[in-house]
Amino acid sequence: MQGDGDTGTGADAAAVADLGSESARAVYRDLLRFGPRSRSELSQRLGLSAPTVTRVSRDLLERGLLHPLDIVQQAKGRPQEPLDVEENLGPRFIGVKVTADEVHAVVATVRANVLEELTLPLADTAPGTVQETILLAVEAMISAHPHVLGIGVGLGGLVAERRTVISAHLLGWREPVELAAALEARVQLPVVVENDLVAMVGGLHWFGMGRSYDSFAVLTVGAGVGIATVVGGRILRGRHHMAGLTGLLPIGAGPGGELVAVRDVASTQAVVRRAREQGVLGEGEGVEDLRALLATGHDGALAIAREMTRALALAAASLAAVVDPDAIVLGGENVDLLRAAAPAFEEMLRQGLTSDQQDLAIRTLSGDFDEWARGVAVIAVQEFVGVEP
């Protein structure tokens, strides 16, 4: 694993571990998310006095967290010297996405641009095994990349205070696990833990395609089905922090009148089971075999993909009816199954929209795990700059 290549020219981790006053945090946050600005622009945007902006920006410059850009001449008034965050030689953050099979980690800049990634297999999903595998990945990255200031960990489960995993169904965790504290004890760096979907959506909102929209909803499909929505700059969480995370959104009724949830049709397990029942897949064959059949245009495989697509389109239409977002973003490791059935998803979804909602944007992520790990790195960045979840 190669390092950043800078051993002492960037911001020293010990010197920048704390941004300082709230005024300093406000200046840094604004430049981080919205790009270069002059001191006078920062003063007007943030409601800070000119002397305060001058003082905190000087401190951030001296500590290597900001750098000046070329002076811009003005038609009237004094020339302006924009400031921007120091990304190339600035602090680094690690994001770790945990699945039932592996630990996928990335090291990223403060703007969540991924520099390197590392994937390690999980021997099992016991908390001790997961913790040790995370630590192996994190310690390898810390040794290769100077200036790591924080670590984010994301997994499918319920998380309290970005510290404690209350439960994680796919990992088989039924009792609380103090994951952040266990990791911090060894790496001596701040660790934040979050539901992986919430973290990924936070990354899209701060630095990804979500920046283009006032509100958007993300629908992911894979081992589970997840929904997360951003409205007014905040992720909707719900009373139990379970909004959209259970896959229990009803999309119809079964033969006996029982409710059918979206995960009962669209999760990996449900799709594979249905394919086996219909003779599309044999016993022991899985989702990769279904992908191979879809690549050949197999009619039975396409029918399975369309059934999954219909379920997700119904879920998306329900979201549009309740939240009325600017965009629906599709993601997850099985998003390629949706693409195989295109344009069925969009056709079905638009049937459930009002005439005024027909301009709803539909965007698709790649489905790669580094999108998730990048989002988890963002929650570590948010912790560093002092943003409440």
Protein backbone atom coordinates (compact mmCIF):
# COMPACT_ATOMS: atom_id res chain seq x y z
CA MET A 1 0.00 0.00 0.00
CA GLN A 2 1.44 3.33 -1.06
CA GLY A 3 1.25 6.43 1.10
CA ASP A 4 0.42 10.03 0.33
CA GLY A 5 4.03 10.83 -0.38
CA ASP A 6 4.14 13.81 2.00
CA THR A 7 5.86 13.17 5.29
CA GLY A 8 5.95 16.64 6.76
CA THR A 9 4.79 19.29 4.32
CA GLY A 10 1.09 19.10 5.10
CA ALA A 11 -0.98 19.88 8.15
CA ASP A 12 0.32 18.05 11.21
CA ALA A 13 -2.37 15.78 12.64
CA ALA A 14 -1.74 16.76 16.26
CA ALA A 15 -1.86 20.46 15.39
CA VAL A 16 -5.18 20.31 13.54
CA ALA A 17 -7.12 17.72 15.52
CA ASP A 18 -9.31 20.54 16.87
CA LEU A 19 -10.43 23.32 14.54
CA GLY A 20 -10.87 25.63 17.50
CA SER A 21 -13.68 28.14 18.02
CA GLU A 22 -17.13 27.89 16.49
CA SER A 23 -16.21 30.85 14.27
CA ALA A 24 -13.25 28.89 12.92
CA ARG A 25 -15.45 25.86 12.35
CA ALA A 26 -18.03 27.98 10.53
CA VAL A 27 -15.41 29.45 8.19
CA TYR A 28 -13.87 26.05 7.50
CA ARG A 29 -17.25 24.35 6.97
CA ASP A 30 -18.40 26.96 4.47
CA LEU A 31 -15.22 26.73 2.41
CA LEU A 32 -15.26 22.94 2.63
CA ARG A 33 -18.75 22.50 1.23
CA PHE A 34 -19.18 25.47 -1.06
CA GLY A 35 -15.68 26.23 -2.32
CA PRO A 36 -13.37 29.26 -2.40
CA ARG A 37 -14.52 32.61 -1.03
CA SER A 38 -12.91 35.86 -0.02
CA ARG A 39 -12.82 37.00 3.59
CA SER A 40 -15.44 39.68 2.88
CA GLU A 41 -17.78 37.07 1.34
CA LEU A 42 -17.31 34.82 4.36
CA SER A 43 -18.09 37.69 6.68
CA GLN A 44 -21.35 38.46 4.87
CA ARG A 45 -22.45 34.83 4.50
CA LEU A 46 -21.70 33.78 8.07
CA GLY A 47 -22.65 36.97 9.89
CA LEU A 48 -19.17 37.28 11.41
CA SER A 49 -17.27 40.53 11.82
CA ALA A 50 -14.42 41.26 9.41
CA PRO A 51 -11.82 41.17 12.24
CA THR A 52 -13.12 37.76 13.39
CA VAL A 53 -12.90 36.28 9.89
CA THR A 54 -9.40 37.75 9.46
CA ARG A 55 -8.25 36.31 12.78
CA VAL A 56 -9.63 32.77 12.36
CA SER A 57 -8.60 32.51 8.71
CA ARG A 58 -5.05 33.55 9.61
CA ASP A 59 -4.93 30.81 12.23
CA LEU A 60 -6.30 28.20 9.80
CA LEU A 61 -3.77 29.30 7.16
CA GLU A 62 -0.88 29.04 9.60
CA ARG A 63 -1.97 25.53 10.59
CA GLY A 64 -2.07 24.37 6.98
CA LEU A 65 -5.83 23.84 6.88
CA LEU A 66 -6.48 26.59 4.33
CA HIS A 67 -4.51 28.02 1.44
CA PRO A 68 -4.88 31.27 -0.52
CA LEU A 69 -5.73 31.37 -4.20
CA ASP A 70 -4.63 33.92 -6.79
CA ILE A 71 -5.76 37.46 -6.09
CA VAL A 72 -8.81 38.52 -8.11
CA GLN A 73 -8.97 42.09 -9.33
CA GLN A 74 -12.32 43.84 -8.84
CA ALA A 75 -13.92 46.45 -11.09
CA LYS A 76 -14.49 48.49 -7.96
CA GLY A 77 -12.92 48.25 -4.56
CA ARG A 78 -9.92 46.36 -3.30
CA PRO A 79 -8.65 43.14 -4.92
CA GLN A 80 -9.99 39.93 -3.34
CA GLU A 81 -7.90 36.98 -2.20
CA PRO A 82 -10.11 33.85 -2.12
CA LEU A 83 -9.38 31.16 0.43
CA ASP A 84 -9.98 27.43 0.10
CA VAL A 85 -9.46 24.34 2.24
CA GLU A 86 -6.15 22.54 1.84
CA GLU A 87 -7.18 19.21 0.38
CA ASN A 88 -4.02 17.83 -1.22
CA LEU A 89 -1.84 18.06 1.89
CA GLY A 90 -4.61 18.38 4.45
CA PRO A 91 -6.15 15.91 6.89
CA ARG A 92 -7.20 12.40 5.90
CA PHE A 93 -10.22 10.37 6.96
CA ILE A 94 -10.92 6.65 6.82
CA GLY A 95 -14.30 5.17 5.92
CA VAL A 96 -15.12 1.51 6.58
CA LYS A 97 -18.16 -0.30 5.16
CA VAL A 98 -18.93 -3.63 6.85
CA THR A 99 -20.96 -6.36 5.14
CA ALA A 100 -21.64 -9.94 6.19
CA ASP A 101 -18.70 -11.09 4.03
CA GLU A 102 -16.03 -8.39 4.11
CA VAL A 103 -14.68 -5.11 5.36
CA HIS A 104 -14.23 -2.49 2.66
CA ALA A 105 -12.15 0.53 3.71
CA VAL A 106 -11.07 3.73 1.96
CA VAL A 107 -8.85 6.63 2.90
CA ALA A 108 -10.13 9.97 1.67
CA THR A 109 -9.39 13.68 1.67
CA VAL A 110 -11.43 16.13 3.69
CA ARG A 111 -13.72 16.49 0.64
CA ALA A 112 -14.14 12.70 0.57
CA ASN A 113 -12.14 12.13 -2.59
CA VAL A 114 -10.93 8.54 -2.28
CA LEU A 115 -7.16 8.05 -2.41
CA GLU A 116 -6.95 4.32 -1.78
CA GLU A 117 -9.14 1.37 -0.88
CA LEU A 118 -8.62 -1.97 0.81
CA THR A 119 -10.92 -4.97 1.14
CA LEU A 120 -10.47 -7.74 3.71
CA PRO A 121 -12.63 -10.89 4.05
CA LEU A 122 -14.51 -11.66 7.24
CA ALA A 123 -13.97 -15.12 8.68
CA ASP A 124 -17.27 -14.75 10.56
CA THR A 125 -19.53 -11.98 11.81
CA ALA A 126 -18.90 -12.26 15.54
CA PRO A 127 -18.28 -8.79 17.05
CA GLY A 128 -14.69 -9.66 17.97
CA THR A 129 -13.89 -10.85 14.45
CA VAL A 130 -15.46 -7.78 12.87
CA GLN A 131 -13.59 -5.44 15.22
CA GLU A 132 -10.25 -7.11 14.57
CA THR A 133 -10.74 -7.07 10.78
CA ILE A 134 -11.69 -3.39 10.87
CA LEU A 135 -8.56 -2.66 12.91
CA LEU A 136 -6.32 -4.55 10.47
CA ALA A 137 -7.63 -2.43 7.59
CA VAL A 138 -7.52 0.83 9.53
CA GLU A 139 -4.02 0.30 10.91
CA ALA A 140 -2.69 -0.51 7.43
CA MET A 141 -4.14 2.74 6.11
CA ILE A 142 -2.90 4.82 9.02
CA SER A 143 0.63 3.53 8.49
CA ALA A 144 0.50 4.40 4.78
CA HIS A 145 -1.25 7.77 4.93
CA PRO A 146 -0.11 10.61 7.18
CA HIS A 147 -2.51 13.00 8.86
CA VAL A 148 -5.48 10.69 9.51
CA LEU A 149 -7.77 12.58 11.88
CA GLY A 150 -10.86 10.44 12.08
CA ILE A 151 -12.48 7.11 11.23
CA GLY A 152 -16.05 6.34 10.22
CA VAL A 153 -17.60 2.87 10.29
CA GLY A 154 -20.87 2.00 8.56
CA LEU A 155 -22.91 -1.20 8.79
CA GLY A 156 -26.47 -2.33 8.29
CA GLY A 157 -28.08 -1.89 11.68
CA LEU A 158 -29.41 0.46 14.33
CA VAL A 159 -26.81 2.76 15.87
CA ALA A 160 -27.17 5.01 18.91
CA GLU A 161 -25.30 8.33 19.21
CA ARG A 162 -22.94 7.30 16.42
CA ARG A 163 -21.21 5.09 19.00
CA THR A 164 -23.09 1.91 19.88
CA VAL A 165 -24.52 -0.69 17.50
CA ILE A 166 -27.88 -1.57 19.03
CA SER A 167 -28.52 -4.42 16.60
CA ALA A 168 -27.33 -5.55 13.17
CA HIS A 169 -29.59 -8.13 11.53
CA LEU A 170 -27.28 -9.11 8.66
CA LEU A 171 -24.36 -9.58 11.06
CA GLY A 172 -26.45 -11.54 13.53
CA TRP A 173 -25.86 -9.01 16.32
CA ARG A 174 -28.79 -9.06 18.72
CA GLU A 175 -27.12 -7.35 21.69
CA PRO A 176 -25.54 -3.87 21.81
CA VAL A 177 -21.89 -3.64 20.74
CA GLU A 178 -19.76 -0.69 21.89
CA LEU A 179 -17.96 -0.58 18.57
CA ALA A 180 -16.62 2.99 18.58
CA ALA A 181 -15.08 2.67 22.04
CA ALA A 182 -13.47 -0.68 21.19
CA LEU A 183 -11.81 0.72 18.07
CA GLU A 184 -10.73 3.98 19.72
CA ALA A 185 -9.00 2.10 22.50
CA ARG A 186 -6.50 0.73 19.99
CA VAL A 187 -6.10 3.36 17.28
CA GLN A 188 -6.25 6.42 19.56
CA LEU A 189 -8.28 8.38 17.01
CA PRO A 190 -11.92 9.54 17.05
CA VAL A 191 -14.29 6.89 15.67
CA VAL A 192 -17.90 7.42 14.64
CA VAL A 193 -20.29 4.60 13.76
CA GLU A 194 -23.44 4.98 11.68
CA ASN A 195 -25.99 3.00 9.75
CA ASP A 196 -24.36 2.49 6.36
CA LEU A 197 -27.29 3.84 4.35
CA VAL A 198 -27.55 6.98 6.48
CA ALA A 199 -23.81 7.53 6.08
CA MET A 200 -23.88 7.00 2.31
CA VAL A 201 -26.76 9.44 1.92
CA GLY A 202 -24.87 11.95 4.05
CA GLY A 203 -21.95 11.65 1.66
CA LEU A 204 -24.20 12.24 -1.35
CA HIS A 205 -25.73 15.27 0.37
CA TRP A 206 -22.40 16.88 1.26
CA PHE A 207 -20.19 16.08 -1.71
CA GLY A 208 -22.13 13.96 -4.22
CA MET A 209 -25.07 14.24 -6.58
CA GLY A 210 -27.38 15.15 -3.68
CA ARG A 211 -25.85 18.63 -3.57
CA SER A 212 -27.91 19.51 -6.64
CA TYR A 213 -31.25 19.01 -4.88
CA ASP A 214 -33.13 20.59 -2.00
CA SER A 215 -34.66 17.20 -1.24
CA PHE A 216 -33.95 13.71 -2.48
CA ALA A 217 -34.64 10.11 -1.58
CA VAL A 218 -32.25 7.18 -1.92
CA LEU A 219 -33.51 3.66 -2.52
CA THR A 220 -30.93 0.88 -2.23
CA VAL A 221 -31.34 -2.78 -3.05
CA GLY A 222 -29.06 -5.63 -2.07
CA ALA A 223 -29.01 -8.03 0.86
CA GLY A 224 -31.61 -5.66 2.30
CA VAL A 225 -33.72 -2.85 0.94
CA GLY A 226 -33.18 0.58 2.40
CA ILE A 227 -34.70 4.02 1.99
CA ALA A 228 -33.32 7.32 3.21
CA THR A 229 -34.61 10.82 2.56
CA VAL A 230 -33.03 14.25 2.86
CA VAL A 231 -35.39 17.19 3.37
CA GLY A 232 -34.27 20.71 4.25
CA GLY A 233 -30.65 19.64 4.52
CA ARG A 234 -31.28 16.91 7.10
CA ILE A 235 -31.74 13.16 6.86
CA LEU A 236 -35.14 12.05 8.14
CA ARG A 237 -34.52 9.60 10.96
CA GLY A 238 -37.81 9.01 12.75
CA ARG A 239 -38.69 8.47 16.38
CA HIS A 240 -36.61 5.27 16.68
CA HIS A 241 -34.00 6.27 14.05
CA MET A 242 -35.59 3.61 11.84
CA ALA A 243 -37.14 5.72 9.08
CA GLY A 244 -36.72 3.71 5.89
CA LEU A 245 -34.20 1.27 7.32
CA THR A 246 -36.36 -1.79 7.91
CA GLY A 247 -37.44 -2.71 4.36
CA LEU A 248 -40.96 -3.18 5.75
CA LEU A 249 -42.62 -0.63 3.46
CA PRO A 250 -45.79 -2.42 2.26
CA ILE A 251 -46.18 -2.70 -1.52
CA GLY A 252 -49.19 -5.02 -1.73
CA ALA A 253 -51.03 -7.93 -0.18
CA GLY A 254 -50.41 -11.66 -0.39
CA PRO A 255 -52.91 -14.44 -1.21
CA GLY A 256 -54.09 -14.56 2.40
CA GLY A 257 -54.42 -10.81 2.74
CA GLU A 258 -51.12 -10.43 4.56
CA LEU A 259 -49.01 -7.35 3.81
CA VAL A 260 -46.10 -7.86 1.43
CA ALA A 261 -43.09 -5.69 2.20
CA VAL A 262 -40.62 -4.44 -0.39
CA ARG A 263 -37.81 -6.57 1.04
CA ASP A 264 -40.00 -9.69 0.62
CA VAL A 265 -39.75 -9.17 -3.14
CA ALA A 266 -36.63 -7.13 -3.86
CA SER A 267 -33.89 -8.26 -1.45
CA THR A 268 -31.20 -10.64 -2.72
CA GLN A 269 -32.60 -13.55 -0.73
CA ALA A 270 -36.13 -12.95 -2.03
CA VAL A 271 -35.01 -12.58 -5.65
CA VAL A 272 -32.93 -15.76 -5.55
CA ARG A 273 -35.71 -17.70 -3.84
CA ARG A 274 -38.23 -16.58 -6.45
CA ALA A 275 -35.85 -17.49 -9.28
CA ARG A 276 -35.39 -20.98 -7.86
CA GLU A 277 -39.14 -21.45 -7.39
CA GLN A 278 -39.71 -20.57 -11.05
CA GLY A 279 -36.90 -22.83 -12.27
CA VAL A 280 -34.76 -19.95 -13.48
CA LEU A 281 -32.00 -20.90 -11.03
CA GLY A 282 -31.08 -24.34 -9.78
CA GLU A 283 -30.55 -25.29 -6.15
CA GLY A 284 -27.26 -23.80 -5.00
CA GLU A 285 -27.21 -21.11 -7.67
CA GLY A 286 -27.31 -17.47 -6.61
CA VAL A 287 -27.52 -13.87 -7.71
CA GLU A 288 -24.30 -14.06 -9.76
CA ASP A 289 -25.82 -16.85 -11.80
CA LEU A 290 -28.91 -14.70 -12.30
CA ARG A 291 -26.69 -11.89 -13.56
CA ALA A 292 -25.10 -14.26 -16.06
CA LEU A 293 -28.54 -15.25 -17.37
CA LEU A 294 -29.61 -11.62 -17.65
CA ALA A 295 -26.51 -10.90 -19.72
CA THR A 296 -27.75 -13.45 -22.28
CA GLY A 297 -31.27 -12.01 -22.37
CA HIS A 298 -32.82 -15.06 -20.65
CA ASP A 299 -36.61 -14.54 -20.56
CA GLY A 300 -37.11 -16.10 -17.14
CA ALA A 301 -34.32 -14.04 -15.59
CA LEU A 302 -35.76 -10.87 -17.15
CA ALA A 303 -39.16 -11.71 -15.65
CA ILE A 304 -37.57 -11.98 -12.20
CA ALA A 305 -35.80 -8.66 -12.68
CA ARG A 306 -39.06 -6.99 -13.79
CA GLU A 307 -40.86 -8.32 -10.70
CA MET A 308 -38.17 -6.82 -8.48
CA THR A 309 -38.32 -3.60 -10.50
CA ARG A 310 -42.07 -3.33 -10.02
CA ALA A 311 -41.70 -3.67 -6.25
CA LEU A 312 -39.08 -0.94 -6.11
CA ALA A 313 -41.10 1.32 -8.41
CA LEU A 314 -44.08 0.99 -6.05
CA ALA A 315 -41.84 1.88 -3.11
CA ALA A 316 -40.45 4.89 -4.98
CA ALA A 317 -43.95 6.05 -5.92
CA SER A 318 -44.95 5.90 -2.25
CA LEU A 319 -41.93 8.02 -1.39
CA ALA A 320 -42.83 10.54 -4.06
CA ALA A 321 -46.40 10.72 -2.79
CA VAL A 322 -45.35 11.37 0.81
CA VAL A 323 -42.14 13.41 0.48
CA ASP A 324 -42.41 14.94 -3.02
CA PRO A 325 -38.61 15.02 -3.50
CA ASP A 326 -36.64 16.63 -6.31
CA ALA A 327 -34.94 13.33 -7.14
CA ILE A 328 -34.96 9.58 -6.55
CA VAL A 329 -31.49 8.02 -6.38
CA LEU A 330 -31.14 4.27 -6.94
CA GLY A 331 -28.19 2.36 -5.50
CA GLY A 332 -27.00 -0.81 -3.82
CA GLU A 333 -25.09 -3.85 -5.02
CA ASN A 334 -28.09 -5.16 -7.01
CA VAL A 335 -28.90 -1.93 -8.83
CA ASP A 336 -27.63 -3.62 -12.01
CA LEU A 337 -30.66 -5.93 -11.89
CA LEU A 338 -32.82 -2.82 -12.19
CA ARG A 339 -30.81 -1.69 -15.19
CA ALA A 340 -31.41 -5.07 -16.84
CA ALA A 341 -35.15 -4.40 -16.69
CA ALA A 342 -34.87 -0.79 -17.89
CA PRO A 343 -36.87 1.23 -18.73
CA ALA A 344 -39.50 -0.63 -16.68
CA PHE A 345 -38.66 1.14 -13.40
CA GLU A 346 -39.13 4.65 -14.72
CA GLU A 347 -42.27 3.76 -16.68
CA MET A 348 -43.88 2.19 -13.61
CA LEU A 349 -42.81 4.99 -11.28
CA ARG A 350 -44.13 7.77 -13.50
CA GLN A 351 -47.54 6.08 -13.57
CA GLY A 352 -47.73 6.81 -9.84
CA LEU A 353 -46.76 10.49 -10.10
CA THR A 354 -48.98 13.49 -10.52
CA SER A 355 -48.65 15.64 -13.63
CA ASP A 356 -46.66 18.20 -11.62
CA GLN A 357 -44.21 15.51 -10.47
CA GLN A 358 -43.31 14.18 -13.91
CA ASP A 359 -40.05 16.18 -13.83
CA LEU A 360 -38.83 14.06 -10.89
CA ALA A 361 -35.17 13.27 -11.55
CA ILE A 362 -34.14 9.61 -11.44
CA ARG A 363 -30.44 9.03 -10.83
CA THR A 364 -28.49 5.80 -10.47
CA LEU A 365 -25.33 5.04 -8.49
CA SER A 366 -22.76 2.51 -9.62
CA GLY A 367 -23.42 0.01 -6.82
CA ASP A 368 -19.73 -0.20 -5.89
CA PHE A 369 -18.90 -0.52 -2.21
CA ASP A 370 -16.52 2.45 -2.33
CA GLU A 371 -19.59 4.70 -2.64
CA TRP A 372 -20.69 3.42 0.75
CA ALA A 373 -17.24 3.63 2.31
CA ARG A 374 -16.81 7.17 0.94
CA GLY A 375 -20.06 8.14 2.66
CA VAL A 376 -18.81 6.68 5.92
CA ALA A 377 -15.64 8.77 5.59
CA VAL A 378 -17.91 11.83 5.36
CA ILE A 379 -19.37 11.19 8.81
CA ALA A 380 -15.82 11.28 10.18
CA VAL A 381 -15.32 14.60 8.36
CA GLN A 382 -18.57 15.89 9.86
CA GLU A 383 -17.35 14.94 13.32
CA PHE A 384 -14.13 16.83 12.68
CA VAL A 385 -15.88 20.03 11.56
CA GLY A 386 -18.49 19.87 14.32
CA VAL A 387 -21.72 19.00 12.49
CA GLU A 388 -24.45 17.34 14.53
CA PRO A 389 -26.02 14.25 12.93
